[in-house]
Amino acid sequence: EAMGAGLATIVSPTPGAVADLCVSELNCLIVDNDPDAWAAALERLAEDHELRMALGEAARRTIASRWTIEHAADAMLAGFRLGFLGGGMKR
C-alpha cells in the first residue's frame, strides 16, 4: 500500500513480494533484518528529500504498472484453476 501511495519504503529481504516488486535503490531500500541497518535506512530517508521523492515516485509507477484490474482478475482466475487442479474443491 505504501508503494502504491508513492511513499518511499524500507523493506526486508524476507520472502514475499520483495523479490517480485522491490529493487533496492530504485523503488525502495532493502535492508537486512538488523536494527542498526533499519535505523540507518530511516535516517537516510529522513535526511534525503530527493531520495524519498525518487523512491516514492518509482514505487508508485511500479505498482501502477503491475497491479492493474487485469492483473487482479488473472491472479484470481489462476487461484481458482489451482484449486480445481489441486483437488482443493470438494464435490
PDB file of N, CA and C in Angstrom:
ATOM      1  N   GLU A   1       0.823  -1.190   0.000  1.00  0.00           N
ATOM      2  CA  GLU A   1       0.000   0.000   0.000  1.00  0.00           C
ATOM      3  C   GLU A   1       0.867   1.253   0.000  1.00  0.00           C
ATOM      4  N   ALA A   2       1.968   1.233   0.751  1.00  0.00           N
ATOM      5  CA  ALA A   2       2.846   2.406   0.802  1.00  0.00           C
ATOM      6  C   ALA A   2       3.434   2.694  -0.576  1.00  0.00           C
ATOM      7  N   MET A   3       3.873   1.656  -1.255  1.00  0.00           N
ATOM      8  CA  MET A   3       4.444   1.860  -2.587  1.00  0.00           C
ATOM      9  C   MET A   3       3.398   2.435  -3.541  1.00  0.00           C
ATOM     10  N   GLY A   4       2.203   1.896  -3.505  1.00  0.00           N
ATOM     11  CA  GLY A   4       1.135   2.374  -4.368  1.00  0.00           C
ATOM     12  C   GLY A   4       0.744   3.818  -4.084  1.00  0.00           C
ATOM     13  N   ALA A   5       0.955   4.243  -2.838  1.00  0.00           N
ATOM     14  CA  ALA A   5       0.654   5.620  -2.451  1.00  0.00           C
ATOM     15  C   ALA A   5       1.806   6.572  -2.764  1.00  0.00           C
ATOM     16  N   GLY A   6       2.888   6.035  -3.326  1.00  0.00           N
ATOM     17  CA  GLY A   6       4.013   6.886  -3.696  1.00  0.00           C
ATOM     18  C   GLY A   6       4.928   7.230  -2.546  1.00  0.00           C
ATOM     19  N   LEU A   7       4.944   6.395  -1.529  1.00  0.00           N
ATOM     20  CA  LEU A   7       5.817   6.626  -0.385  1.00  0.00           C
ATOM     21  C   LEU A   7       7.098   5.821  -0.520  1.00  0.00           C
ATOM     22  N   ALA A   8       8.195   6.420  -0.102  1.00  0.00           N
ATOM     23  CA  ALA A   8       9.460   5.688  -0.066  1.00  0.00           C
ATOM     24  C   ALA A   8       9.334   4.604   0.993  1.00  0.00           C
ATOM     25  N   THR A   9       9.761   3.398   0.664  1.00  0.00           N
ATOM     26  CA  THR A   9       9.620   2.294   1.594  1.00  0.00           C
ATOM     27  C   THR A   9      10.967   1.653   1.902  1.00  0.00           C
ATOM     28  N   ILE A  10      11.005   1.069   3.094  1.00  0.00           N
ATOM     29  CA  ILE A  10      12.151   0.271   3.523  1.00  0.00           C
ATOM     30  C   ILE A  10      11.591  -1.113   3.785  1.00  0.00           C
ATOM     31  N   VAL A  11      12.191  -2.124   3.191  1.00  0.00           N
ATOM     32  CA  VAL A  11      11.698  -3.490   3.337  1.00  0.00           C
ATOM     33  C   VAL A  11      12.847  -4.425   3.674  1.00  0.00           C
ATOM     34  N   SER A  12      12.493  -5.570   4.216  1.00  0.00           N
ATOM     35  CA  SER A  12      13.500  -6.595   4.491  1.00  0.00           C
ATOM     36  C   SER A  12      13.520  -7.581   3.332  1.00  0.00           C
ATOM     37  N   PRO A  13      14.584  -8.344   3.197  1.00  0.00           N
ATOM     38  CA  PRO A  13      14.655  -9.314   2.097  1.00  0.00           C
ATOM     39  C   PRO A  13      13.875 -10.599   2.383  1.00  0.00           C
ATOM     40  N   THR A  14      13.019 -10.588   3.383  1.00  0.00           N
ATOM     41  CA  THR A  14      12.214 -11.751   3.729  1.00  0.00           C
ATOM     42  C   THR A  14      11.352 -12.146   2.532  1.00  0.00           C
ATOM     43  N   PRO A  15      11.188 -13.435   2.282  1.00  0.00           N
ATOM     44  CA  PRO A  15      10.381 -13.861   1.132  1.00  0.00           C
ATOM     45  C   PRO A  15       8.994 -13.233   1.134  1.00  0.00           C
ATOM     46  N   GLY A  16       8.523 -12.976  -0.027  1.00  0.00           N
ATOM     47  CA  GLY A  16       7.221 -12.352  -0.216  1.00  0.00           C
ATOM     48  C   GLY A  16       7.249 -11.559  -1.507  1.00  0.00           C
ATOM     49  N   ALA A  17       6.604 -10.428  -1.508  1.00  0.00           N
ATOM     50  CA  ALA A  17       6.536  -9.598  -2.712  1.00  0.00           C
ATOM     51  C   ALA A  17       7.846  -8.878  -3.006  1.00  0.00           C
ATOM     52  N   VAL A  18       8.762  -8.860  -2.051  1.00  0.00           N
ATOM     53  CA  VAL A  18      10.007  -8.110  -2.246  1.00  0.00           C
ATOM     54  C   VAL A  18      10.717  -8.535  -3.514  1.00  0.00           C
ATOM     55  N   ALA A  19      10.913  -9.814  -3.715  1.00  0.00           N
ATOM     56  CA  ALA A  19      11.655 -10.293  -4.879  1.00  0.00           C
ATOM     57  C   ALA A  19      10.929  -9.966  -6.187  1.00  0.00           C
ATOM     58  N   ASP A  20       9.627  -9.844  -6.126  1.00  0.00           N
ATOM     59  CA  ASP A  20       8.838  -9.597  -7.319  1.00  0.00           C
ATOM     60  C   ASP A  20       8.694  -8.114  -7.640  1.00  0.00           C
ATOM     61  N   LEU A  21       8.686  -7.265  -6.619  1.00  0.00           N
ATOM     62  CA  LEU A  21       8.381  -5.850  -6.826  1.00  0.00           C
ATOM     63  C   LEU A  21       9.514  -4.885  -6.511  1.00  0.00           C
ATOM     64  N   CYS A  22      10.326  -5.229  -5.544  1.00  0.00           N
ATOM     65  CA  CYS A  22      11.268  -4.262  -4.980  1.00  0.00           C
ATOM     66  C   CYS A  22      12.668  -4.373  -5.571  1.00  0.00           C
ATOM     67  N   VAL A  23      13.212  -3.214  -5.942  1.00  0.00           N
ATOM     68  CA  VAL A  23      14.584  -3.120  -6.420  1.00  0.00           C
ATOM     69  C   VAL A  23      15.258  -2.054  -5.564  1.00  0.00           C
ATOM     70  N   SER A  24      16.174  -2.482  -4.719  1.00  0.00           N
ATOM     71  CA  SER A  24      16.813  -1.550  -3.796  1.00  0.00           C
ATOM     72  C   SER A  24      17.519  -0.432  -4.545  1.00  0.00           C
ATOM     73  N   GLU A  25      17.335   0.759  -4.033  1.00  0.00           N
ATOM     74  CA  GLU A  25      17.904   1.989  -4.584  1.00  0.00           C
ATOM     75  C   GLU A  25      17.178   2.466  -5.837  1.00  0.00           C
ATOM     76  N   LEU A  26      16.213   1.692  -6.323  1.00  0.00           N
ATOM     77  CA  LEU A  26      15.427   2.121  -7.480  1.00  0.00           C
ATOM     78  C   LEU A  26      14.015   2.523  -7.048  1.00  0.00           C
ATOM     79  N   ASN A  27      13.307   1.599  -6.341  1.00  0.00           N
ATOM     80  CA  ASN A  27      11.950   1.925  -5.898  1.00  0.00           C
ATOM     81  C   ASN A  27      11.732   1.671  -4.408  1.00  0.00           C
ATOM     82  N   CYS A  28      12.800   1.362  -3.688  1.00  0.00           N
ATOM     83  CA  CYS A  28      12.725   1.138  -2.243  1.00  0.00           C
ATOM     84  C   CYS A  28      14.150   0.998  -1.707  1.00  0.00           C
ATOM     85  N   LEU A  29      14.241   0.789  -0.402  1.00  0.00           N
ATOM     86  CA  LEU A  29      15.506   0.387   0.205  1.00  0.00           C
ATOM     87  C   LEU A  29      15.281  -0.985   0.809  1.00  0.00           C
ATOM     88  N   ILE A  30      16.120  -1.928   0.479  1.00  0.00           N
ATOM     89  CA  ILE A  30      16.045  -3.263   1.068  1.00  0.00           C
ATOM     90  C   ILE A  30      17.193  -3.369   2.067  1.00  0.00           C
ATOM     91  N   VAL A  31      16.842  -3.666   3.320  1.00  0.00           N
ATOM     92  CA  VAL A  31      17.859  -3.751   4.364  1.00  0.00           C
ATOM     93  C   VAL A  31      17.739  -5.083   5.102  1.00  0.00           C
ATOM     94  N   ASP A  32      18.865  -5.534   5.621  1.00  0.00           N
ATOM     95  CA  ASP A  32      18.889  -6.776   6.386  1.00  0.00           C
ATOM     96  C   ASP A  32      18.026  -6.663   7.637  1.00  0.00           C
ATOM     97  N   ASN A  33      17.702  -7.794   8.197  1.00  0.00           N
ATOM     98  CA  ASN A  33      16.913  -7.837   9.424  1.00  0.00           C
ATOM     99  C   ASN A  33      17.799  -7.527  10.629  1.00  0.00           C
ATOM    100  N   ASP A  34      18.275  -6.302  10.667  1.00  0.00           N
ATOM    101  CA  ASP A  34      19.186  -5.855  11.709  1.00  0.00           C
ATOM    102  C   ASP A  34      18.738  -4.463  12.145  1.00  0.00           C
ATOM    103  N   PRO A  35      18.536  -4.253  13.434  1.00  0.00           N
ATOM    104  CA  PRO A  35      18.054  -2.946  13.904  1.00  0.00           C
ATOM    105  C   PRO A  35      18.944  -1.780  13.472  1.00  0.00           C
ATOM    106  N   ASP A  36      20.250  -1.967  13.456  1.00  0.00           N
ATOM    107  CA  ASP A  36      21.145  -0.882  13.045  1.00  0.00           C
ATOM    108  C   ASP A  36      20.974  -0.547  11.568  1.00  0.00           C
ATOM    109  N   ALA A  37      20.758  -1.560  10.739  1.00  0.00           N
ATOM    110  CA  ALA A  37      20.536  -1.330   9.314  1.00  0.00           C
ATOM    111  C   ALA A  37      19.233  -0.565   9.093  1.00  0.00           C
ATOM    112  N   TRP A  38      18.196  -0.924   9.840  1.00  0.00           N
ATOM    113  CA  TRP A  38      16.917  -0.216   9.726  1.00  0.00           C
ATOM    114  C   TRP A  38      17.057   1.224  10.192  1.00  0.00           C
ATOM    115  N   ALA A  39      17.757   1.427  11.292  1.00  0.00           N
ATOM    116  CA  ALA A  39      17.961   2.784  11.800  1.00  0.00           C
ATOM    117  C   ALA A  39      18.702   3.633  10.778  1.00  0.00           C
ATOM    118  N   ALA A  40      19.720   3.069  10.159  1.00  0.00           N
ATOM    119  CA  ALA A  40      20.491   3.809   9.154  1.00  0.00           C
ATOM    120  C   ALA A  40      19.623   4.150   7.941  1.00  0.00           C
ATOM    121  N   ALA A  41      18.796   3.208   7.524  1.00  0.00           N
ATOM    122  CA  ALA A  41      17.921   3.456   6.367  1.00  0.00           C
ATOM    123  C   ALA A  41      16.883   4.531   6.694  1.00  0.00           C
ATOM    124  N   LEU A  42      16.310   4.478   7.878  1.00  0.00           N
ATOM    125  CA  LEU A  42      15.345   5.503   8.295  1.00  0.00           C
ATOM    126  C   LEU A  42      15.997   6.877   8.344  1.00  0.00           C
ATOM    127  N   GLU A  43      17.179   6.932   8.890  1.00  0.00           N
ATOM    128  CA  GLU A  43      17.908   8.196   8.972  1.00  0.00           C
ATOM    129  C   GLU A  43      18.215   8.729   7.570  1.00  0.00           C
ATOM    130  N   ARG A  44      18.620   7.833   6.704  1.00  0.00           N
ATOM    131  CA  ARG A  44      18.934   8.232   5.328  1.00  0.00           C
ATOM    132  C   ARG A  44      17.721   8.843   4.642  1.00  0.00           C
ATOM    133  N   LEU A  45      16.563   8.183   4.761  1.00  0.00           N
ATOM    134  CA  LEU A  45      15.354   8.722   4.139  1.00  0.00           C
ATOM    135  C   LEU A  45      14.925  10.033   4.784  1.00  0.00           C
ATOM    136  N   ALA A  46      15.055  10.120   6.092  1.00  0.00           N
ATOM    137  CA  ALA A  46      14.658  11.349   6.784  1.00  0.00           C
ATOM    138  C   ALA A  46      15.505  12.538   6.349  1.00  0.00           C
ATOM    139  N   GLU A  47      16.746  12.296   6.040  1.00  0.00           N
ATOM    140  CA  GLU A  47      17.673  13.376   5.702  1.00  0.00           C
ATOM    141  C   GLU A  47      17.763  13.683   4.214  1.00  0.00           C
ATOM    142  N   ASP A  48      17.278  12.803   3.357  1.00  0.00           N
ATOM    143  CA  ASP A  48      17.463  12.983   1.910  1.00  0.00           C
ATOM    144  C   ASP A  48      16.115  13.106   1.195  1.00  0.00           C
ATOM    145  N   HIS A  49      15.658  14.338   1.072  1.00  0.00           N
ATOM    146  CA  HIS A  49      14.360  14.615   0.451  1.00  0.00           C
ATOM    147  C   HIS A  49      14.304  14.094  -0.988  1.00  0.00           C
ATOM    148  N   GLU A  50      15.349  14.339  -1.763  1.00  0.00           N
ATOM    149  CA  GLU A  50      15.359  13.903  -3.161  1.00  0.00           C
ATOM    150  C   GLU A  50      15.263  12.388  -3.283  1.00  0.00           C
ATOM    151  N   LEU A  51      15.968  11.665  -2.416  1.00  0.00           N
ATOM    152  CA  LEU A  51      15.885  10.204  -2.424  1.00  0.00           C
ATOM    153  C   LEU A  51      14.473   9.746  -2.085  1.00  0.00           C
ATOM    154  N   ARG A  52      13.872  10.344  -1.046  1.00  0.00           N
ATOM    155  CA  ARG A  52      12.493   9.981  -0.667  1.00  0.00           C
ATOM    156  C   ARG A  52      11.549  10.170  -1.836  1.00  0.00           C
ATOM    157  N   MET A  53      11.657  11.299  -2.507  1.00  0.00           N
ATOM    158  CA  MET A  53      10.756  11.595  -3.622  1.00  0.00           C
ATOM    159  C   MET A  53      11.000  10.646  -4.791  1.00  0.00           C
ATOM    160  N   ALA A  54      12.253  10.388  -5.115  1.00  0.00           N
ATOM    161  CA  ALA A  54      12.583   9.499  -6.243  1.00  0.00           C
ATOM    162  C   ALA A  54      12.120   8.065  -5.972  1.00  0.00           C
ATOM    163  N   LEU A  55      12.393   7.562  -4.781  1.00  0.00           N
ATOM    164  CA  LEU A  55      11.962   6.200  -4.447  1.00  0.00           C
ATOM    165  C   LEU A  55      10.440   6.104  -4.433  1.00  0.00           C
ATOM    166  N   GLY A  56       9.782   7.098  -3.868  1.00  0.00           N
ATOM    167  CA  GLY A  56       8.319   7.088  -3.792  1.00  0.00           C
ATOM    168  C   GLY A  56       7.670   7.103  -5.166  1.00  0.00           C
ATOM    169  N   GLU A  57       8.170   7.946  -6.051  1.00  0.00           N
ATOM    170  CA  GLU A  57       7.598   8.018  -7.402  1.00  0.00           C
ATOM    171  C   GLU A  57       7.859   6.734  -8.178  1.00  0.00           C
ATOM    172  N   ALA A  58       9.060   6.191  -8.057  1.00  0.00           N
ATOM    173  CA  ALA A  58       9.365   4.926  -8.743  1.00  0.00           C
ATOM    174  C   ALA A  58       8.505   3.796  -8.181  1.00  0.00           C
ATOM    175  N   ALA A  59       8.280   3.808  -6.886  1.00  0.00           N
ATOM    176  CA  ALA A  59       7.434   2.783  -6.265  1.00  0.00           C
ATOM    177  C   ALA A  59       6.006   2.890  -6.787  1.00  0.00           C
ATOM    178  N   ARG A  60       5.491   4.116  -6.849  1.00  0.00           N
ATOM    179  CA  ARG A  60       4.124   4.325  -7.353  1.00  0.00           C
ATOM    180  C   ARG A  60       3.998   3.823  -8.787  1.00  0.00           C
ATOM    181  N   ARG A  61       4.989   4.136  -9.617  1.00  0.00           N
ATOM    182  CA  ARG A  61       4.965   3.671 -11.018  1.00  0.00           C
ATOM    183  C   ARG A  61       5.031   2.147 -11.096  1.00  0.00           C
ATOM    184  N   THR A  62       5.840   1.540 -10.240  1.00  0.00           N
ATOM    185  CA  THR A  62       5.940   0.074 -10.231  1.00  0.00           C
ATOM    186  C   THR A  62       4.581  -0.554  -9.960  1.00  0.00           C
ATOM    187  N   ILE A  63       3.911  -0.083  -8.927  1.00  0.00           N
ATOM    188  CA  ILE A  63       2.610  -0.661  -8.565  1.00  0.00           C
ATOM    189  C   ILE A  63       1.574  -0.352  -9.645  1.00  0.00           C
ATOM    190  N   ALA A  64       1.563   0.875 -10.153  1.00  0.00           N
ATOM    191  CA  ALA A  64       0.581   1.249 -11.178  1.00  0.00           C
ATOM    192  C   ALA A  64       0.735   0.412 -12.441  1.00  0.00           C
ATOM    193  N   SER A  65       1.967   0.057 -12.768  1.00  0.00           N
ATOM    194  CA  SER A  65       2.175  -0.715 -13.993  1.00  0.00           C
ATOM    195  C   SER A  65       1.935  -2.204 -13.799  1.00  0.00           C
ATOM    196  N   ARG A  66       2.022  -2.667 -12.572  1.00  0.00           N
ATOM    197  CA  ARG A  66       1.919  -4.098 -12.313  1.00  0.00           C
ATOM    198  C   ARG A  66       0.563  -4.528 -11.769  1.00  0.00           C
ATOM    199  N   TRP A  67      -0.062  -3.728 -10.958  1.00  0.00           N
ATOM    200  CA  TRP A  67      -1.281  -4.145 -10.274  1.00  0.00           C
ATOM    201  C   TRP A  67      -2.497  -3.464 -10.884  1.00  0.00           C
ATOM    202  N   THR A  68      -2.830  -3.921 -12.064  1.00  0.00           N
ATOM    203  CA  THR A  68      -3.992  -3.407 -12.780  1.00  0.00           C
ATOM    204  C   THR A  68      -5.184  -4.305 -12.500  1.00  0.00           C
ATOM    205  N   ILE A  69      -6.348  -3.895 -12.932  1.00  0.00           N
ATOM    206  CA  ILE A  69      -7.544  -4.729 -12.773  1.00  0.00           C
ATOM    207  C   ILE A  69      -7.366  -6.032 -13.551  1.00  0.00           C
ATOM    208  N   GLU A  70      -6.671  -5.960 -14.688  1.00  0.00           N
ATOM    209  CA  GLU A  70      -6.425  -7.165 -15.471  1.00  0.00           C
ATOM    210  C   GLU A  70      -5.540  -8.141 -14.683  1.00  0.00           C
ATOM    211  N   HIS A  71      -4.532  -7.614 -14.025  1.00  0.00           N
ATOM    212  CA  HIS A  71      -3.643  -8.451 -13.218  1.00  0.00           C
ATOM    213  C   HIS A  71      -4.422  -9.100 -12.075  1.00  0.00           C
ATOM    214  N   ALA A  72      -5.263  -8.331 -11.404  1.00  0.00           N
ATOM    215  CA  ALA A  72      -6.050  -8.875 -10.297  1.00  0.00           C
ATOM    216  C   ALA A  72      -6.974  -9.989 -10.783  1.00  0.00           C
ATOM    217  N   ALA A  73      -7.622  -9.780 -11.933  1.00  0.00           N
ATOM    218  CA  ALA A  73      -8.521 -10.803 -12.480  1.00  0.00           C
ATOM    219  C   ALA A  73      -7.741 -12.057 -12.865  1.00  0.00           C
ATOM    220  N   ASP A  74      -6.583 -11.891 -13.497  1.00  0.00           N
ATOM    221  CA  ASP A  74      -5.749 -13.042 -13.856  1.00  0.00           C
ATOM    222  C   ASP A  74      -5.315 -13.819 -12.621  1.00  0.00           C
ATOM    223  N   ALA A  75      -4.919 -13.107 -11.570  1.00  0.00           N
ATOM    224  CA  ALA A  75      -4.483 -13.765 -10.339  1.00  0.00           C
ATOM    225  C   ALA A  75      -5.640 -14.529  -9.699  1.00  0.00           C
ATOM    226  N   MET A  76      -6.824 -13.944  -9.708  1.00  0.00           N
ATOM    227  CA  MET A  76      -7.990 -14.612  -9.124  1.00  0.00           C
ATOM    228  C   MET A  76      -8.325 -15.876  -9.918  1.00  0.00           C
ATOM    229  N   LEU A  77      -8.312 -15.781 -11.237  1.00  0.00           N
ATOM    230  CA  LEU A  77      -8.597 -16.955 -12.064  1.00  0.00           C
ATOM    231  C   LEU A  77      -7.539 -18.038 -11.886  1.00  0.00           C
ATOM    232  N   ALA A  78      -6.279 -17.633 -11.750  1.00  0.00           N
ATOM    233  CA  ALA A  78      -5.212 -18.610 -11.524  1.00  0.00           C
ATOM    234  C   ALA A  78      -5.438 -19.342 -10.205  1.00  0.00           C
ATOM    235  N   GLY A  79      -5.878 -18.625  -9.188  1.00  0.00           N
ATOM    236  CA  GLY A  79      -6.178 -19.254  -7.908  1.00  0.00           C
ATOM    237  C   GLY A  79      -7.306 -20.266  -8.021  1.00  0.00           C
ATOM    238  N   PHE A  80      -8.345 -19.922  -8.767  1.00  0.00           N
ATOM    239  CA  PHE A  80      -9.447 -20.865  -8.983  1.00  0.00           C
ATOM    240  C   PHE A  80      -8.958 -22.105  -9.718  1.00  0.00           C
ATOM    241  N   ARG A  81      -8.137 -21.897 -10.746  1.00  0.00           N
ATOM    242  CA  ARG A  81      -7.622 -23.036 -11.515  1.00  0.00           C
ATOM    243  C   ARG A  81      -6.801 -23.960 -10.625  1.00  0.00           C
ATOM    244  N   LEU A  82      -5.949 -23.377  -9.797  1.00  0.00           N
ATOM    245  CA  LEU A  82      -5.133 -24.199  -8.889  1.00  0.00           C
ATOM    246  C   LEU A  82      -6.009 -24.991  -7.938  1.00  0.00           C
ATOM    247  N   GLY A  83      -7.069 -24.369  -7.469  1.00  0.00           N
ATOM    248  CA  GLY A  83      -7.986 -25.079  -6.576  1.00  0.00           C
ATOM    249  C   GLY A  83      -8.630 -26.273  -7.250  1.00  0.00           C
ATOM    250  N   PHE A  84      -9.038 -26.104  -8.488  1.00  0.00           N
ATOM    251  CA  PHE A  84      -9.650 -27.205  -9.216  1.00  0.00           C
ATOM    252  C   PHE A  84      -8.636 -28.282  -9.566  1.00  0.00           C
ATOM    253  N   LEU A  85      -7.467 -27.879 -10.028  1.00  0.00           N
ATOM    254  CA  LEU A  85      -6.453 -28.833 -10.441  1.00  0.00           C
ATOM    255  C   LEU A  85      -5.841 -29.580  -9.261  1.00  0.00           C
ATOM    256  N   GLY A  86      -5.727 -28.891  -8.130  1.00  0.00           N
ATOM    257  CA  GLY A  86      -5.105 -29.492  -6.969  1.00  0.00           C
ATOM    258  C   GLY A  86      -6.070 -30.282  -6.107  1.00  0.00           C
ATOM    259  N   GLY A  87      -7.292 -30.378  -6.519  1.00  0.00           N
ATOM    260  CA  GLY A  87      -8.264 -31.125  -5.737  1.00  0.00           C
ATOM    261  C   GLY A  87      -8.762 -30.364  -4.518  1.00  0.00           C
ATOM    262  N   GLY A  88      -8.526 -29.058  -4.512  1.00  0.00           N
ATOM    263  CA  GLY A  88      -8.911 -28.246  -3.371  1.00  0.00           C
ATOM    264  C   GLY A  88     -10.414 -28.040  -3.268  1.00  0.00           C
ATOM    265  N   MET A  89     -11.112 -28.239  -4.353  1.00  0.00           N
ATOM    266  CA  MET A  89     -12.565 -28.068  -4.343  1.00  0.00           C
ATOM    267  C   MET A  89     -13.227 -29.421  -4.124  1.00  0.00           C
ATOM    268  N   LYS A  90     -14.050 -29.516  -3.105  1.00  0.00           N
ATOM    269  CA  LYS A  90     -14.755 -30.766  -2.833  1.00  0.00           C
ATOM    270  C   LYS A  90     -16.061 -30.785  -3.611  1.00  0.00           C
ATOM    271  N   ARG A  91     -16.388 -31.973  -4.065  1.00  0.00           N
ATOM    272  CA  ARG A  91     -17.618 -32.103  -4.862  1.00  0.00           C
ATOM    273  C   ARG A  91     -18.733 -32.595  -3.999  1.00  0.00           C
TER     274      ARG A  91
END
